[in-house]
Protein backbone atom coordinates (compact mmCIF):
# COMPACT_ATOMS: atom_id res chain seq x y z
CA MET A 1 89.43 134.11 138.95
CA ARG A 2 91.05 135.30 135.72
CA THR A 3 94.36 133.67 136.71
CA ARG A 4 92.61 130.40 137.47
CA SER A 5 90.74 130.52 134.16
CA LEU A 6 93.99 131.15 132.26
CA LEU A 7 95.65 128.21 134.03
CA THR A 8 92.71 125.98 133.14
CA VAL A 9 92.98 126.99 129.48
CA MET A 10 96.75 126.34 129.45
CA LEU A 11 96.29 122.88 130.96
CA THR A 12 93.54 122.08 128.47
CA VAL A 13 95.66 123.18 125.50
CA GLY A 14 98.61 121.19 126.87
CA CYS A 15 96.48 118.06 127.07
CA VAL A 16 95.24 118.50 123.52
CA ALA A 17 98.71 119.21 122.11
CA ALA A 18 100.45 116.30 123.84
CA PRO A 19 101.59 113.78 121.18
CA MET A 20 100.11 110.30 121.34
CA ALA A 21 102.35 107.25 121.21
CA ALA A 22 102.46 105.72 117.74
CA SER A 23 100.94 102.27 117.40
CA PRO A 24 102.67 99.46 115.49
CA ALA A 25 101.67 99.31 111.83
CA THR A 26 100.59 96.25 109.86
CA ALA A 27 103.21 95.52 107.21
CA ALA A 28 102.22 94.15 103.81
CA MET A 29 104.41 91.09 103.27
CA ALA A 30 105.38 89.66 99.88
CA SER A 31 103.45 86.79 98.37
CA TRP A 32 106.03 85.00 96.23
CA ALA A 33 103.46 83.84 93.71
CA ASN A 34 105.72 82.51 91.01
CA TRP A 35 109.35 81.68 90.46
CA VAL A 36 111.65 80.07 87.95
CA ALA A 37 114.02 77.15 88.47
CA ALA A 38 116.96 77.67 90.79
CA GLY A 39 119.91 78.98 88.84
CA ALA A 40 117.85 81.36 86.69
CA GLU A 41 118.31 83.98 89.44
CA GLU A 42 114.84 85.54 89.52
CA VAL A 43 111.83 85.23 91.83
CA GLY A 44 108.58 87.18 91.34
CA GLY A 45 105.67 88.04 93.59
CA PHE A 46 103.50 90.91 94.78
CA LEU A 47 102.69 93.05 97.81
CA GLN A 48 99.07 93.96 98.56
CA VAL A 49 99.27 97.37 100.25
CA GLY A 50 95.68 98.29 101.00
CA ALA A 51 93.98 98.57 97.61
CA THR A 52 97.31 98.81 95.77
CA SER A 53 99.07 95.76 94.35
CA VAL A 54 102.82 96.22 93.92
CA ASN A 55 104.86 93.73 91.93
CA VAL A 56 108.17 92.74 93.53
CA ILE A 57 111.05 90.92 91.84
CA TYR A 58 114.19 89.48 93.41
CA LYS A 59 117.19 89.11 91.09
CA GLY A 60 120.32 87.25 92.09
CA PRO A 61 121.50 83.75 92.96
CA TYR A 62 119.31 81.79 95.37
CA SER A 63 119.13 78.29 96.80
CA PHE A 64 115.35 77.74 96.92
CA ALA A 65 112.06 79.64 97.08
CA GLN A 66 108.80 78.80 98.84
CA VAL A 67 105.47 80.25 97.73
CA THR A 68 102.27 80.71 99.71
CA GLY A 69 100.66 77.50 100.88
CA GLY A 70 103.66 75.22 100.72
CA GLY A 71 106.78 74.31 102.64
CA THR A 72 108.01 74.92 106.18
CA ASN A 73 107.01 78.11 107.93
CA TYR A 74 110.40 79.43 109.05
CA TRP A 75 108.73 82.59 110.45
CA LEU A 76 107.75 80.73 113.62
CA PRO A 77 108.07 81.74 116.38
CA SER A 78 106.87 85.20 115.36
CA ALA A 79 108.53 87.13 118.22
CA PRO A 80 111.69 88.26 116.31
CA TYR A 81 109.53 89.95 113.67
CA ILE A 82 107.19 91.98 115.92
CA SER A 83 108.17 95.37 117.32
CA ALA A 84 106.91 98.81 118.27
CA THR A 85 107.04 99.59 114.54
CA VAL A 86 105.57 96.43 112.98
CA GLU A 87 102.81 94.39 114.60
CA ASN A 88 102.90 91.29 112.39
CA ALA A 89 105.32 88.60 111.32
CA PRO A 90 105.24 87.23 107.75
CA PRO A 91 101.91 85.36 107.64
CA ASP A 92 102.83 82.43 105.39
CA SER A 93 105.73 80.16 104.51
CA ASP A 94 106.91 82.47 101.69
CA ILE A 95 110.68 82.80 101.75
CA ILE A 96 113.68 83.11 99.46
CA ALA A 97 116.76 81.22 100.65
CA LEU A 98 120.24 82.45 99.72
CA SER A 99 123.48 80.51 99.86
CA THR A 100 125.84 82.14 97.34
CA GLY A 101 127.16 85.51 98.42
CA GLY A 102 127.36 88.55 96.19
CA ALA A 103 125.19 91.30 94.75
CA LYS A 104 121.39 91.03 94.99
CA LYS A 105 118.56 93.32 93.84
CA ILE A 106 114.90 93.72 94.80
CA THR A 107 112.74 95.91 92.55
CA PHE A 108 109.22 97.30 93.04
CA SER A 109 106.75 98.29 90.32
CA GLN A 110 105.82 101.36 92.39
CA ALA A 111 107.79 103.41 94.87
CA VAL A 112 107.36 102.11 98.42
CA ILE A 113 107.96 103.74 101.79
CA ASP A 114 110.19 102.24 104.49
CA PRO A 115 110.64 98.76 102.96
CA LEU A 116 111.35 95.89 105.35
CA LEU A 117 113.43 92.73 105.10
CA ALA A 118 112.49 89.93 107.47
CA LEU A 119 115.46 87.59 108.00
CA VAL A 120 115.87 83.93 108.94
CA SER A 121 119.19 82.46 110.11
CA TRP A 122 121.69 85.04 108.83
CA ASN A 123 124.48 83.22 110.65
CA ASN A 124 127.86 85.02 110.73
CA ASN A 125 126.83 86.86 107.59
CA THR A 126 128.20 90.25 106.55
CA VAL A 127 125.59 92.34 104.75
CA ASP A 128 125.63 95.82 103.23
CA PHE A 129 122.76 97.78 101.62
CA GLY A 130 124.68 100.89 100.58
CA THR A 131 122.08 103.04 102.34
CA PRO A 132 121.27 103.59 106.04
CA ILE A 133 119.31 100.80 107.70
CA GLU A 134 117.58 100.28 111.04
CA ILE A 135 117.40 96.99 112.92
CA ILE A 136 113.92 97.22 114.42
CA SER A 137 113.63 93.74 115.97
CA PHE A 138 115.50 90.47 116.48
CA GLY A 139 115.41 87.45 118.78
CA GLN A 140 114.93 83.71 119.17
CA GLY A 141 113.72 82.25 115.89
CA PHE A 142 113.31 78.96 114.04
CA TRP A 143 117.02 78.11 114.08
CA GLY A 144 118.00 79.64 117.40
CA ASN A 145 119.22 83.05 118.52
CA GLY A 146 121.73 85.64 117.38
CA THR A 147 122.49 89.34 117.31
CA PRO A 148 122.81 91.62 114.26
CA ILE A 149 125.67 94.04 114.91
CA LEU A 150 125.37 97.30 112.95
CA ASN A 151 128.42 98.24 110.88
CA ALA A 152 130.21 101.51 111.57
CA THR A 153 128.72 103.08 108.43
CA GLY A 154 125.16 102.22 109.46
CA THR A 155 124.46 100.69 106.03
CA GLY A 156 124.83 97.03 106.96
CA PHE A 157 125.32 94.49 109.71
CA PHE A 158 127.25 91.44 110.81
CA GLY A 159 125.26 88.47 112.08
CA SER A 160 126.62 87.05 115.31
CA GLY A 161 124.93 83.64 115.67
CA GLU A 162 121.59 82.67 114.11
CA VAL A 163 120.10 86.08 113.36
CA HIS A 164 116.30 86.26 113.03
CA ALA A 165 115.35 89.91 112.60
CA VAL A 166 113.61 92.70 110.69
CA ILE A 167 115.62 95.39 108.89
CA ARG A 168 114.00 98.67 107.80
CA LEU A 169 115.36 100.98 105.10
CA PRO A 170 113.99 104.45 105.94
CA GLY A 171 112.89 106.40 102.89
CA THR A 172 111.23 105.86 99.52
CA PHE A 173 112.55 103.15 97.19
CA THR A 174 111.87 101.56 93.83
CA GLU A 175 114.76 99.13 94.30
CA ILE A 176 116.98 97.71 97.03
CA ASN A 177 120.54 96.58 96.35
CA PHE A 178 122.56 94.60 98.86
CA THR A 179 125.51 92.26 99.17
CA ASP A 180 125.86 89.28 101.49
CA THR A 181 128.32 86.46 102.13
CA SER A 182 128.02 82.74 101.43
CA GLU A 183 126.84 80.07 103.86
CA ASN A 184 124.63 76.95 103.91
CA TRP A 185 121.51 79.12 103.55
CA HIS A 186 119.85 82.17 105.03
CA GLY A 187 116.37 83.35 104.12
CA PHE A 188 114.41 86.55 103.70
CA THR A 189 111.14 88.03 102.57
CA VAL A 190 110.09 91.60 101.81
CA GLY A 191 107.49 93.85 103.41
CA VAL A 192 106.42 97.49 103.15
CA LEU A 193 104.52 99.89 105.36
CA ASP A 194 103.10 102.11 102.60
CA VAL A 195 103.35 103.10 98.96
CA ALA A 196 104.43 106.52 97.76
CA GLU A 197 101.78 108.75 96.22
CA PRO A 198 102.38 111.42 93.53
CA PRO A 199 102.80 114.92 95.02
CA ILE A 200 99.45 116.64 95.55
CA GLY A 201 98.82 119.90 93.71
CA VAL A 202 101.73 119.63 91.27
CA PRO A 203 100.45 120.53 87.76
CA GLU A 204 101.12 118.14 84.90
CA PRO A 205 103.63 119.34 82.25
CA VAL A 206 100.78 119.93 79.76
CA SER A 207 98.93 122.08 82.32
CA LEU A 208 102.08 124.12 82.91
CA GLY A 209 102.39 124.65 79.16
CA LEU A 210 98.80 125.85 78.86
CA LEU A 211 99.32 128.17 81.80
CA GLY A 212 102.35 129.67 80.06
CA VAL A 213 100.37 130.23 76.85
CA GLY A 214 97.59 131.89 78.84
CA LEU A 215 100.02 134.24 80.59
CA LEU A 216 101.61 135.20 77.28
CA GLY A 217 98.14 135.96 75.89
CA LEU A 218 97.31 138.20 78.83
CA PHE A 219 100.64 140.02 78.51
CA ALA A 220 100.07 140.62 74.78
CA ALA A 221 96.53 141.91 75.42
CA ARG A 222 97.84 144.28 78.08
CA ARG A 223 100.45 145.73 75.72
CA ILE A 224 97.82 146.29 73.00
CA ALA A 225 95.52 148.02 75.49
CA MET A 226 98.36 150.32 76.59
CA ALA A 227 99.43 151.20 73.04
C-alpha cells in the first residue's frame, strides 16, 4: 500500500510539474500616425502595448508611408504573419515602403522586448541587423511567395522571391539598426510583444546614499559606545 501511495504521489507531482505549451501572443503593431514628406527621411507613430504607449520613429530613406485608415492593405492574406509565437497580422494598412538601400534606424521611446518586423515583398533583398534574428513565419502574401534564407552569421537574411514574413529580434531594444538593398519597393511595419520594466527591488541612487549615511552613523555610534 505504501508503494502504491508513493507511486500515486509521484504521478501527481509529475502531472503538476509538466510544462504547458506556450500560446501565441498578441503583438502590438505600430500605428504610423504622422509622417513628413518623402525625402525628409522620417516617419513617426506609436505602439499601444497594454496600458503603455510607446513612440516609434523610423529614420532613413523611404518611398511612401501609409497611415491607419488609408491606402491598400498589403498585410492580406494574413497567413505569413501568424505563427506559434504571434497570433495576429498587422491589423491596418499601416506600412513604410523602402526603395533606396542603405542604413535605416528604428527608435523606441521606451525599451521593448522581442521587437518584430513584419515584411512585405522583400524580393531578392539582402538585409542585415547586426544582431541575431529569428524568422518566425513566412509564406504566400500580397505579391506572391518567397523564402527568407538566413545568413551564415544569423544577423540577416537574403530574400529569395517575394518574401512576406515576420522577423523577431530576441532581447531588449531601444533602437534597431539595419541595412537593406535597393529595389522597386519593399515594405515593413513594427510590432512588439512587451515593454521592459525597471528592475524590481533596486534602490534609487538617493536611497543608496541615505543608506550609506545611516550605516556610517551606526558605525560612529558603536565606536563611541566602545570607547
